Every structure is written in C-alpha cells, then in structure tokens.
C-alpha cells in the first residue's frame, strides 16, 4: 500500500511538472504571437503615413510632369492596392508594388530640374525619405519578431505543444524583391 501511494505521488508530481511545462510553453507562444501583432501595428502605422504623403507628392509632380501619366497612375493603383489590403501578406505584397511605383516616380523626377527645386516637393520628398527610414526600421523589427516566433515553435518540446495547441509557422516576412537590388535605368 505504501509503495502504491509513493508511485501515485511520483506520477502526480510528474504530471504536474509536465502540465506546468506545457502551460508555460503555450503562454510563451501566446506572448510571441501577440508581439507579432503589436509590431505589425507599428509597420501598418508607418505604411499608412507614407500612403497619406503620396497624394501630395503625386499632385506636385503632376503639375510639372503632365506627360508622365503612366507612372503617376501606377503610383495611384499601388496606393489603392495598399488601402484595400487586409492581411499582413496582402499588405506586404501591395507595399512591394508601391515601392516599385515610387522608385519609378522618383526616376521621373530626375528628368525635371524645376520640380527638384520646388520647395513643396523638396519638403514632401524629405518627409517621404524619413517615413521610408521608419518603415525600414519597423520592417526589420517585424521580421525579427516573426523569426523569433518561428524559431520557438520549431524547438523541442515547443513544437509538440505548438502542434497540440494550434500554433503554426508565420511566413509573412518582408522580403526584398529581386528587382529592388538593381538600380533603375534613367533615360537621358
């Protein structure tokens, strides 16, 4: 009888230890997932700030570069795509489109010296550059948090607990587009 009680006590103690470990791992994964959501909100705020600056920039460019309708339209389309995106993956894809459209717009600006000397344009371009820097910082932080979360759910015994409690890998990383590594060609 004494041995049975000792075995039962050891089994209960072991069960409590394992249960505590499972709860601790799950809670840690919840914290990581919420960190991703919080950092995504920071990225989203920066993307919205840039999106709010773009109409003013486009209107200024329109006044000087009326024949560049295709480039201006691509910026407007990309901005609309970003505004319509709902999930992080959709917003990341739309942001890539907007990055490409803005780079083409800035190439067009190089062809108009009067525009480059316009005080309003210079102010908008400075604000846009500052916003782009903020976006880059927030993207980096977001990618780091996703990497940390993905690493946590792959480690043993976290992977067992993650699969039991419904935590899945998140691959909504910001990635550099292949064309972003190449300087745009400017025709003179």
N, C-alpha and C. Protein backbone atom coordinates (compact mmCIF):
# COMPACT_ATOMS: atom_id res chain seq x y z
N UNK A 1 0.81 -1.19 0.00
CA UNK A 1 0.00 0.00 0.00
C UNK A 1 0.86 1.26 0.00
N UNK A 2 1.91 1.25 0.83
CA UNK A 2 2.81 2.39 0.88
C UNK A 2 3.48 2.62 -0.47
N UNK A 3 3.88 1.56 -1.11
CA UNK A 3 4.55 1.67 -2.41
C UNK A 3 3.58 2.23 -3.44
N UNK A 4 2.35 1.81 -3.39
CA UNK A 4 1.33 2.31 -4.31
C UNK A 4 1.13 3.81 -4.14
N UNK A 5 1.08 4.29 -2.89
CA UNK A 5 0.94 5.72 -2.62
C UNK A 5 2.17 6.50 -3.10
N UNK A 6 3.34 5.95 -2.92
CA UNK A 6 4.57 6.61 -3.38
C UNK A 6 4.58 6.71 -4.90
N UNK A 7 4.23 5.61 -5.57
CA UNK A 7 4.18 5.60 -7.04
C UNK A 7 3.14 6.60 -7.52
N UNK A 8 1.97 6.61 -6.89
CA UNK A 8 0.91 7.55 -7.25
C UNK A 8 1.37 9.00 -7.04
N UNK A 9 2.03 9.26 -5.93
CA UNK A 9 2.57 10.60 -5.65
C UNK A 9 3.59 11.04 -6.68
N UNK A 10 4.49 10.12 -7.05
CA UNK A 10 5.51 10.43 -8.07
C UNK A 10 4.84 10.71 -9.42
N UNK A 11 3.83 9.90 -9.76
CA UNK A 11 3.12 10.11 -11.03
C UNK A 11 2.38 11.45 -11.04
N UNK A 12 1.73 11.79 -9.93
CA UNK A 12 1.05 13.09 -9.84
C UNK A 12 2.04 14.24 -9.93
N UNK A 13 3.15 14.13 -9.23
CA UNK A 13 4.18 15.16 -9.28
C UNK A 13 4.71 15.31 -10.71
N UNK A 14 4.98 14.19 -11.36
CA UNK A 14 5.44 14.22 -12.75
C UNK A 14 4.40 14.84 -13.67
N UNK A 15 3.13 14.50 -13.45
CA UNK A 15 2.05 15.08 -14.25
C UNK A 15 1.96 16.59 -14.07
N UNK A 16 2.10 17.05 -12.81
CA UNK A 16 2.07 18.49 -12.55
C UNK A 16 3.25 19.19 -13.21
N UNK A 17 4.42 18.59 -13.14
CA UNK A 17 5.60 19.20 -13.77
C UNK A 17 5.44 19.29 -15.28
N UNK A 18 4.99 18.21 -15.89
CA UNK A 18 4.80 18.21 -17.34
C UNK A 18 3.68 19.19 -17.73
N UNK A 19 2.59 19.18 -16.99
CA UNK A 19 1.49 20.12 -17.26
C UNK A 19 1.93 21.56 -17.11
N UNK A 20 2.73 21.83 -16.09
CA UNK A 20 3.25 23.19 -15.89
C UNK A 20 4.15 23.61 -17.04
N UNK A 21 4.96 22.67 -17.52
CA UNK A 21 5.84 22.96 -18.65
C UNK A 21 5.02 23.26 -19.91
N UNK A 22 3.98 22.47 -20.15
CA UNK A 22 3.11 22.67 -21.33
C UNK A 22 2.44 24.04 -21.25
N UNK A 23 1.90 24.37 -20.10
CA UNK A 23 1.24 25.67 -19.93
C UNK A 23 2.24 26.80 -20.11
N UNK A 24 3.43 26.66 -19.56
CA UNK A 24 4.46 27.69 -19.71
C UNK A 24 4.86 27.90 -21.17
N UNK A 25 5.04 26.80 -21.91
CA UNK A 25 5.40 26.91 -23.33
C UNK A 25 4.27 27.57 -24.10
N UNK A 26 3.03 27.15 -23.84
CA UNK A 26 1.90 27.74 -24.55
C UNK A 26 1.80 29.24 -24.27
N UNK A 27 1.95 29.62 -23.02
CA UNK A 27 1.89 31.04 -22.68
C UNK A 27 3.01 31.83 -23.36
N UNK A 28 4.19 31.24 -23.43
CA UNK A 28 5.29 31.90 -24.14
C UNK A 28 4.99 32.10 -25.62
N UNK A 29 4.35 31.10 -26.23
CA UNK A 29 3.98 31.23 -27.64
C UNK A 29 2.90 32.29 -27.84
N UNK A 30 1.99 32.40 -26.89
CA UNK A 30 0.96 33.45 -26.96
C UNK A 30 1.62 34.83 -26.91
N UNK A 31 2.59 34.97 -26.02
CA UNK A 31 3.32 36.25 -25.91
C UNK A 31 4.02 36.58 -27.22
N UNK A 32 4.68 35.59 -27.82
CA UNK A 32 5.37 35.80 -29.10
C UNK A 32 4.38 36.20 -30.20
N UNK A 33 3.24 35.52 -30.25
CA UNK A 33 2.25 35.82 -31.29
C UNK A 33 1.70 37.24 -31.11
N UNK A 34 1.47 37.64 -29.89
CA UNK A 34 0.98 38.99 -29.63
C UNK A 34 2.06 40.05 -29.94
N UNK A 35 3.31 39.69 -29.75
CA UNK A 35 4.41 40.59 -30.14
C UNK A 35 4.39 40.82 -31.65
N UNK A 36 4.10 39.78 -32.40
CA UNK A 36 3.99 39.91 -33.86
C UNK A 36 2.87 40.88 -34.20
N UNK A 37 1.72 40.71 -33.56
CA UNK A 37 0.58 41.60 -33.83
C UNK A 37 0.90 43.05 -33.47
N UNK A 38 1.56 43.25 -32.34
CA UNK A 38 1.93 44.60 -31.93
C UNK A 38 2.93 45.24 -32.89
N UNK A 39 3.92 44.48 -33.32
CA UNK A 39 4.90 45.03 -34.25
C UNK A 39 4.28 45.27 -35.62
N UNK A 40 3.35 44.40 -36.01
CA UNK A 40 2.66 44.62 -37.29
C UNK A 40 1.90 45.95 -37.24
N UNK A 41 1.30 46.27 -36.11
CA UNK A 41 0.59 47.53 -35.97
C UNK A 41 1.54 48.71 -36.19
N UNK A 42 2.77 48.60 -35.70
CA UNK A 42 3.77 49.66 -35.92
C UNK A 42 4.11 49.79 -37.41
N UNK A 43 4.28 48.65 -38.08
CA UNK A 43 4.56 48.67 -39.52
C UNK A 43 3.38 49.32 -40.24
N UNK A 44 2.18 48.93 -39.87
CA UNK A 44 0.97 49.44 -40.51
C UNK A 44 0.85 50.96 -40.36
N UNK A 45 1.19 51.47 -39.19
CA UNK A 45 1.15 52.92 -38.96
C UNK A 45 2.13 53.63 -39.91
N UNK A 46 3.33 53.08 -40.04
CA UNK A 46 4.33 53.68 -40.93
C UNK A 46 3.89 53.61 -42.39
N UNK A 47 3.31 52.48 -42.78
CA UNK A 47 2.82 52.35 -44.16
C UNK A 47 1.69 53.35 -44.43
N UNK A 48 0.82 53.54 -43.45
CA UNK A 48 -0.28 54.50 -43.61
C UNK A 48 0.25 55.93 -43.72
N UNK A 49 1.27 56.24 -42.95
CA UNK A 49 1.86 57.59 -43.04
C UNK A 49 2.38 57.83 -44.43
N UNK A 50 3.10 56.84 -44.99
CA UNK A 50 3.62 57.01 -46.35
C UNK A 50 2.46 57.13 -47.34
N UNK A 51 1.45 56.31 -47.16
CA UNK A 51 0.30 56.35 -48.05
C UNK A 51 -0.39 57.72 -48.01
N UNK A 52 -0.41 58.34 -46.85
CA UNK A 52 -1.01 59.67 -46.72
C UNK A 52 -0.17 60.76 -47.39
N UNK A 53 1.15 60.58 -47.46
CA UNK A 53 2.02 61.57 -48.10
C UNK A 53 1.96 61.50 -49.63
N UNK A 54 1.67 60.35 -50.15
CA UNK A 54 1.77 60.13 -51.60
C UNK A 54 0.86 61.03 -52.42
N UNK A 55 -0.42 61.24 -52.06
CA UNK A 55 -1.25 62.12 -52.91
C UNK A 55 -0.66 63.52 -53.07
N UNK A 56 -0.10 64.08 -52.02
CA UNK A 56 0.51 65.41 -52.12
C UNK A 56 1.72 65.38 -53.05
N UNK A 57 2.51 64.35 -52.93
CA UNK A 57 3.69 64.20 -53.79
C UNK A 57 3.27 64.05 -55.25
N UNK A 58 2.28 63.21 -55.49
CA UNK A 58 1.80 62.99 -56.86
C UNK A 58 1.22 64.26 -57.46
N UNK A 59 0.45 65.01 -56.68
CA UNK A 59 -0.12 66.27 -57.20
C UNK A 59 0.97 67.26 -57.56
N UNK A 60 2.01 67.33 -56.77
CA UNK A 60 3.13 68.23 -57.07
C UNK A 60 3.82 67.80 -58.36
N UNK A 61 4.04 66.51 -58.52
CA UNK A 61 4.70 66.00 -59.73
C UNK A 61 3.81 66.22 -60.95
N UNK A 62 2.50 66.03 -60.79
CA UNK A 62 1.56 66.21 -61.91
C UNK A 62 1.69 67.60 -62.53
N UNK A 63 1.88 68.60 -61.69
CA UNK A 63 1.99 69.97 -62.18
C UNK A 63 3.18 70.17 -63.10
N UNK A 64 4.23 69.41 -62.92
CA UNK A 64 5.45 69.58 -63.71
C UNK A 64 5.59 68.53 -64.80
N UNK A 65 5.05 67.36 -64.58
CA UNK A 65 5.30 66.23 -65.49
C UNK A 65 3.98 65.66 -65.99
N UNK A 66 3.24 66.47 -66.70
CA UNK A 66 1.91 66.06 -67.17
C UNK A 66 1.96 64.85 -68.10
N UNK A 67 3.03 64.68 -68.86
CA UNK A 67 3.12 63.58 -69.82
C UNK A 67 3.48 62.25 -69.16
N UNK A 68 3.74 62.24 -67.88
CA UNK A 68 4.13 61.01 -67.17
C UNK A 68 2.92 60.34 -66.52
N UNK A 69 1.82 60.28 -67.26
CA UNK A 69 0.57 59.75 -66.70
C UNK A 69 0.68 58.29 -66.29
N UNK A 70 1.42 57.49 -67.03
CA UNK A 70 1.54 56.06 -66.72
C UNK A 70 2.19 55.84 -65.35
N UNK A 71 3.25 56.58 -65.08
CA UNK A 71 3.95 56.44 -63.80
C UNK A 71 3.05 56.92 -62.66
N UNK A 72 2.39 58.04 -62.87
CA UNK A 72 1.50 58.59 -61.84
C UNK A 72 0.34 57.63 -61.59
N UNK A 73 -0.19 57.04 -62.65
CA UNK A 73 -1.29 56.07 -62.50
C UNK A 73 -0.82 54.82 -61.74
N UNK A 74 0.41 54.38 -61.99
CA UNK A 74 0.90 53.19 -61.29
C UNK A 74 1.06 53.47 -59.79
N UNK A 75 1.43 54.68 -59.43
CA UNK A 75 1.52 55.05 -58.01
C UNK A 75 0.13 55.04 -57.39
N UNK A 76 -0.85 55.60 -58.10
CA UNK A 76 -2.22 55.63 -57.59
C UNK A 76 -2.79 54.22 -57.44
N UNK A 77 -2.52 53.34 -58.42
CA UNK A 77 -3.00 51.96 -58.34
C UNK A 77 -2.36 51.22 -57.16
N UNK A 78 -1.07 51.41 -56.99
CA UNK A 78 -0.36 50.72 -55.90
C UNK A 78 -0.87 51.22 -54.55
N UNK A 79 -1.12 52.50 -54.45
CA UNK A 79 -1.65 53.06 -53.19
C UNK A 79 -3.03 52.51 -52.91
N UNK A 80 -3.86 52.39 -53.96
CA UNK A 80 -5.20 51.82 -53.78
C UNK A 80 -5.10 50.36 -53.35
N UNK A 81 -4.16 49.62 -53.92
CA UNK A 81 -3.98 48.21 -53.53
C UNK A 81 -3.58 48.11 -52.07
N UNK A 82 -2.72 49.01 -51.61
CA UNK A 82 -2.33 49.01 -50.20
C UNK A 82 -3.52 49.35 -49.31
N UNK A 83 -4.33 50.30 -49.75
CA UNK A 83 -5.52 50.67 -48.97
C UNK A 83 -6.54 49.55 -48.89
N UNK A 84 -6.62 48.71 -49.93
CA UNK A 84 -7.58 47.61 -49.96
C UNK A 84 -7.08 46.33 -49.32
N UNK A 85 -5.79 46.27 -49.03
CA UNK A 85 -5.22 45.05 -48.44
C UNK A 85 -5.66 44.91 -46.99
N UNK A 86 -5.95 43.69 -46.59
CA UNK A 86 -6.43 43.45 -45.22
C UNK A 86 -5.45 42.64 -44.38
N UNK A 87 -4.86 41.60 -44.92
CA UNK A 87 -3.97 40.74 -44.14
C UNK A 87 -2.54 41.24 -44.26
N UNK A 88 -1.68 40.87 -43.32
CA UNK A 88 -0.27 41.26 -43.46
C UNK A 88 0.34 40.81 -44.79
N UNK A 89 0.01 39.60 -45.26
CA UNK A 89 0.56 39.13 -46.53
C UNK A 89 0.11 40.02 -47.68
N UNK A 90 -1.16 40.41 -47.70
CA UNK A 90 -1.67 41.29 -48.76
C UNK A 90 -1.01 42.66 -48.67
N UNK A 91 -0.84 43.17 -47.46
CA UNK A 91 -0.22 44.49 -47.31
C UNK A 91 1.26 44.45 -47.70
N UNK A 92 1.93 43.36 -47.39
CA UNK A 92 3.34 43.23 -47.78
C UNK A 92 3.46 43.22 -49.30
N UNK A 93 2.57 42.48 -49.98
CA UNK A 93 2.60 42.43 -51.45
C UNK A 93 2.27 43.80 -52.04
N UNK A 94 1.25 44.46 -51.51
CA UNK A 94 0.87 45.79 -52.00
C UNK A 94 1.97 46.81 -51.72
N UNK A 95 2.65 46.66 -50.60
CA UNK A 95 3.76 47.56 -50.28
C UNK A 95 4.89 47.40 -51.29
N UNK A 96 5.14 46.18 -51.73
CA UNK A 96 6.15 45.96 -52.76
C UNK A 96 5.79 46.67 -54.05
N UNK A 97 4.51 46.61 -54.42
CA UNK A 97 4.04 47.33 -55.61
C UNK A 97 4.26 48.84 -55.45
N UNK A 98 3.95 49.34 -54.28
CA UNK A 98 4.09 50.77 -54.02
C UNK A 98 5.57 51.19 -54.04
N UNK A 99 6.43 50.35 -53.48
CA UNK A 99 7.88 50.64 -53.53
C UNK A 99 8.34 50.79 -54.97
N UNK A 100 7.93 49.85 -55.83
CA UNK A 100 8.33 49.91 -57.24
C UNK A 100 7.78 51.15 -57.93
N UNK A 101 6.51 51.46 -57.68
CA UNK A 101 5.89 52.64 -58.31
C UNK A 101 6.57 53.93 -57.85
N UNK A 102 6.88 54.02 -56.56
CA UNK A 102 7.55 55.23 -56.05
C UNK A 102 8.96 55.37 -56.63
N UNK A 103 9.66 54.27 -56.78
CA UNK A 103 11.01 54.36 -57.35
C UNK A 103 10.94 54.84 -58.79
N UNK A 104 9.93 54.39 -59.55
CA UNK A 104 9.77 54.88 -60.93
C UNK A 104 9.41 56.36 -60.94
N UNK A 105 8.58 56.79 -59.98
CA UNK A 105 8.21 58.20 -59.88
C UNK A 105 9.44 59.06 -59.59
N UNK A 106 10.30 58.60 -58.70
CA UNK A 106 11.49 59.38 -58.36
C UNK A 106 12.48 59.42 -59.52
N UNK A 107 12.49 58.39 -60.36
CA UNK A 107 13.31 58.43 -61.57
C UNK A 107 12.78 59.50 -62.53
N UNK A 108 11.46 59.60 -62.63
CA UNK A 108 10.84 60.62 -63.49
C UNK A 108 11.21 62.01 -62.98
N UNK A 109 11.21 62.18 -61.67
CA UNK A 109 11.52 63.48 -61.07
C UNK A 109 12.91 63.95 -61.49
N UNK A 110 13.84 63.02 -61.62
CA UNK A 110 15.21 63.37 -62.02
C UNK A 110 15.24 64.09 -63.37
N UNK A 111 14.24 63.87 -64.19
CA UNK A 111 14.20 64.46 -65.53
C UNK A 111 13.62 65.87 -65.54
N UNK A 112 13.19 66.37 -64.39
CA UNK A 112 12.55 67.68 -64.30
C UNK A 112 13.26 68.54 -63.26
N UNK A 113 14.29 69.30 -63.68
CA UNK A 113 15.06 70.11 -62.71
C UNK A 113 14.20 71.15 -61.98
N UNK A 114 13.19 71.71 -62.66
CA UNK A 114 12.33 72.70 -62.00
C UNK A 114 11.56 72.08 -60.85
N UNK A 115 11.15 70.84 -61.04
CA UNK A 115 10.42 70.13 -59.99
C UNK A 115 11.33 69.87 -58.80
N UNK A 116 12.56 69.48 -59.08
CA UNK A 116 13.50 69.19 -57.99
C UNK A 116 13.81 70.43 -57.15
N UNK A 117 13.64 71.60 -57.74
CA UNK A 117 13.92 72.83 -56.99
C UNK A 117 12.66 73.40 -56.31
N UNK A 118 11.50 72.79 -56.53
CA UNK A 118 10.26 73.25 -55.93
C UNK A 118 10.30 72.98 -54.42
N UNK A 119 10.05 74.02 -53.64
CA UNK A 119 10.15 73.92 -52.18
C UNK A 119 9.16 72.91 -51.60
N UNK A 120 7.93 72.92 -52.09
CA UNK A 120 6.92 71.98 -51.60
C UNK A 120 7.33 70.54 -51.91
N UNK A 121 7.85 70.32 -53.11
CA UNK A 121 8.29 68.98 -53.49
C UNK A 121 9.45 68.53 -52.61
N UNK A 122 10.38 69.42 -52.36
CA UNK A 122 11.54 69.07 -51.53
C UNK A 122 11.10 68.69 -50.11
N UNK A 123 10.16 69.44 -49.57
CA UNK A 123 9.64 69.13 -48.23
C UNK A 123 8.96 67.76 -48.23
N UNK A 124 8.12 67.51 -49.24
CA UNK A 124 7.44 66.22 -49.34
C UNK A 124 8.43 65.08 -49.52
N UNK A 125 9.45 65.32 -50.32
CA UNK A 125 10.45 64.27 -50.54
C UNK A 125 11.22 63.98 -49.25
N UNK A 126 11.53 65.03 -48.48
CA UNK A 126 12.20 64.82 -47.18
C UNK A 126 11.31 64.03 -46.22
N UNK A 127 10.02 64.39 -46.17
CA UNK A 127 9.09 63.66 -45.31
C UNK A 127 8.98 62.20 -45.74
N UNK A 128 8.94 61.99 -47.05
CA UNK A 128 8.85 60.62 -47.57
C UNK A 128 10.11 59.84 -47.23
N UNK A 129 11.27 60.47 -47.35
CA UNK A 129 12.53 59.79 -47.01
C UNK A 129 12.55 59.40 -45.52
N UNK A 130 12.12 60.31 -44.67
CA UNK A 130 12.05 60.00 -43.23
C UNK A 130 11.08 58.86 -42.95
N UNK A 131 9.95 58.87 -43.63
CA UNK A 131 8.96 57.81 -43.46
C UNK A 131 9.51 56.48 -43.96
N UNK A 132 10.22 56.50 -45.08
CA UNK A 132 10.82 55.27 -45.61
C UNK A 132 11.82 54.70 -44.60
N UNK A 133 12.57 55.57 -43.93
CA UNK A 133 13.50 55.09 -42.90
C UNK A 133 12.75 54.44 -41.74
N UNK A 134 11.65 55.06 -41.32
CA UNK A 134 10.84 54.47 -40.25
C UNK A 134 10.29 53.11 -40.67
N UNK A 135 9.82 53.04 -41.91
CA UNK A 135 9.28 51.77 -42.42
C UNK A 135 10.36 50.70 -42.41
N UNK A 136 11.57 51.05 -42.84
CA UNK A 136 12.66 50.08 -42.86
C UNK A 136 12.95 49.55 -41.46
N UNK A 137 12.96 50.44 -40.48
CA UNK A 137 13.22 50.02 -39.09
C UNK A 137 12.09 49.11 -38.59
N UNK A 138 10.85 49.50 -38.84
CA UNK A 138 9.71 48.71 -38.38
C UNK A 138 9.66 47.35 -39.08
N UNK A 139 9.99 47.32 -40.37
CA UNK A 139 10.04 46.05 -41.10
C UNK A 139 11.08 45.11 -40.49
N UNK A 140 12.24 45.67 -40.19
CA UNK A 140 13.31 44.85 -39.61
C UNK A 140 12.86 44.27 -38.27
N UNK A 141 12.28 45.10 -37.42
CA UNK A 141 11.79 44.63 -36.12
C UNK A 141 10.71 43.56 -36.30
N UNK A 142 9.81 43.78 -37.24
CA UNK A 142 8.75 42.82 -37.50
C UNK A 142 9.33 41.48 -37.95
N UNK A 143 10.25 41.52 -38.88
CA UNK A 143 10.89 40.28 -39.35
C UNK A 143 11.62 39.57 -38.22
N UNK A 144 12.28 40.32 -37.35
CA UNK A 144 12.97 39.70 -36.21
C UNK A 144 12.00 39.00 -35.27
N UNK A 145 10.86 39.63 -35.01
CA UNK A 145 9.87 39.02 -34.11
C UNK A 145 9.27 37.77 -34.74
N UNK A 146 9.00 37.81 -36.03
CA UNK A 146 8.47 36.61 -36.70
C UNK A 146 9.52 35.50 -36.67
N UNK A 147 10.76 35.85 -36.90
CA UNK A 147 11.83 34.83 -36.87
C UNK A 147 11.92 34.20 -35.47
N UNK A 148 11.84 35.02 -34.43
CA UNK A 148 11.91 34.51 -33.06
C UNK A 148 10.72 33.56 -32.78
N UNK A 149 9.53 33.97 -33.21
CA UNK A 149 8.34 33.13 -33.03
C UNK A 149 8.49 31.81 -33.77
N UNK A 150 8.90 31.88 -35.04
CA UNK A 150 9.06 30.65 -35.84
C UNK A 150 10.12 29.74 -35.23
N UNK A 151 11.17 30.31 -34.70
CA UNK A 151 12.20 29.50 -34.04
C UNK A 151 11.63 28.82 -32.81
N UNK A 152 10.86 29.56 -32.03
CA UNK A 152 10.28 28.99 -30.81
C UNK A 152 9.36 27.81 -31.10
N UNK A 153 8.55 27.91 -32.16
CA UNK A 153 7.63 26.79 -32.42
C UNK A 153 8.31 25.61 -33.08
N UNK A 154 9.55 25.77 -33.51
CA UNK A 154 10.29 24.65 -34.10
C UNK A 154 11.14 23.90 -33.07
N UNK A 155 11.44 24.52 -31.94
CA UNK A 155 12.28 23.88 -30.93
C UNK A 155 11.50 22.81 -30.17
N UNK A 156 12.21 21.75 -29.79
CA UNK A 156 11.60 20.71 -28.97
C UNK A 156 11.69 21.13 -27.51
N UNK A 157 10.73 21.00 -26.70
CA UNK A 157 9.41 20.41 -26.84
C UNK A 157 8.34 21.41 -27.29
N UNK A 158 8.77 22.64 -27.59
CA UNK A 158 7.80 23.66 -28.02
C UNK A 158 7.00 23.21 -29.24
N UNK A 159 7.67 22.50 -30.16
CA UNK A 159 6.97 22.08 -31.38
C UNK A 159 5.82 21.13 -31.06
N UNK A 160 5.97 20.30 -30.06
CA UNK A 160 4.91 19.38 -29.66
C UNK A 160 3.73 20.17 -29.10
N UNK A 161 4.03 21.09 -28.19
CA UNK A 161 2.98 21.91 -27.58
C UNK A 161 2.33 22.80 -28.64
N UNK A 162 3.14 23.38 -29.55
CA UNK A 162 2.59 24.25 -30.61
C UNK A 162 1.61 23.48 -31.49
N UNK A 163 1.96 22.27 -31.87
CA UNK A 163 1.05 21.50 -32.72
C UNK A 163 -0.21 21.08 -31.97
N UNK A 164 -0.08 20.80 -30.68
CA UNK A 164 -1.25 20.41 -29.88
C UNK A 164 -2.20 21.59 -29.64
N UNK A 165 -1.65 22.81 -29.59
CA UNK A 165 -2.47 23.97 -29.23
C UNK A 165 -2.77 24.89 -30.41
N UNK A 166 -2.43 24.46 -31.62
CA UNK A 166 -2.84 25.20 -32.82
C UNK A 166 -1.93 26.33 -33.26
N UNK A 167 -0.72 26.39 -32.77
CA UNK A 167 0.20 27.43 -33.21
C UNK A 167 0.88 26.95 -34.49
N UNK A 168 0.93 27.81 -35.50
CA UNK A 168 1.53 27.44 -36.78
C UNK A 168 2.58 28.46 -37.17
N UNK A 169 3.45 28.06 -38.06
CA UNK A 169 4.51 28.92 -38.57
C UNK A 169 3.89 30.14 -39.26
N UNK A 170 4.51 31.29 -39.11
CA UNK A 170 4.06 32.53 -39.75
C UNK A 170 5.15 32.94 -40.73
N UNK A 171 4.83 32.94 -42.02
CA UNK A 171 5.81 33.29 -43.04
C UNK A 171 5.53 34.65 -43.68
N UNK A 172 4.88 35.55 -42.97
CA UNK A 172 4.56 36.87 -43.50
C UNK A 172 5.75 37.81 -43.30
N UNK A 173 6.88 37.44 -43.88
CA UNK A 173 8.09 38.26 -43.80
C UNK A 173 8.07 39.32 -44.89
N UNK A 174 8.72 40.45 -44.60
CA UNK A 174 9.03 41.41 -45.64
C UNK A 174 10.30 40.91 -46.32
N UNK A 175 10.23 40.75 -47.62
CA UNK A 175 11.38 40.27 -48.38
C UNK A 175 11.73 41.31 -49.43
N UNK A 176 12.99 41.37 -49.77
CA UNK A 176 13.43 42.26 -50.83
C UNK A 176 13.07 41.63 -52.16
N UNK A 177 12.40 42.41 -53.00
CA UNK A 177 12.06 41.93 -54.34
C UNK A 177 13.34 41.84 -55.16
N UNK A 178 13.38 40.90 -56.07
CA UNK A 178 14.59 40.70 -56.90
C UNK A 178 14.96 41.97 -57.65
N UNK A 179 14.00 42.69 -58.18
CA UNK A 179 14.28 43.92 -58.93
C UNK A 179 14.74 45.08 -58.06
N UNK A 180 14.54 44.99 -56.77
CA UNK A 180 14.92 46.09 -55.87
C UNK A 180 16.43 46.19 -55.69
N UNK A 181 17.14 45.14 -56.04
CA UNK A 181 18.59 45.15 -55.89
C UNK A 181 19.30 45.78 -57.08
N UNK A 182 18.53 46.13 -58.12
CA UNK A 182 19.08 46.70 -59.33
C UNK A 182 18.65 48.15 -59.43
N UNK A 183 19.59 49.04 -59.73
CA UNK A 183 19.25 50.44 -59.88
C UNK A 183 18.40 50.64 -61.12
N UNK A 184 17.36 51.49 -61.02
CA UNK A 184 16.53 51.72 -62.22
C UNK A 184 17.34 52.46 -63.28
N UNK A 185 17.01 52.19 -64.52
CA UNK A 185 17.68 52.83 -65.64
C UNK A 185 17.01 54.17 -65.93
N UNK A 186 17.80 55.18 -66.08
CA UNK A 186 17.29 56.51 -66.37
C UNK A 186 17.66 56.85 -67.81
N UNK A 187 16.66 57.21 -68.60
CA UNK A 187 16.91 57.58 -69.99
C UNK A 187 17.17 59.10 -70.05
N UNK A 188 18.23 59.48 -70.70
CA UNK A 188 18.54 60.91 -70.84
C UNK A 188 18.41 61.34 -72.28
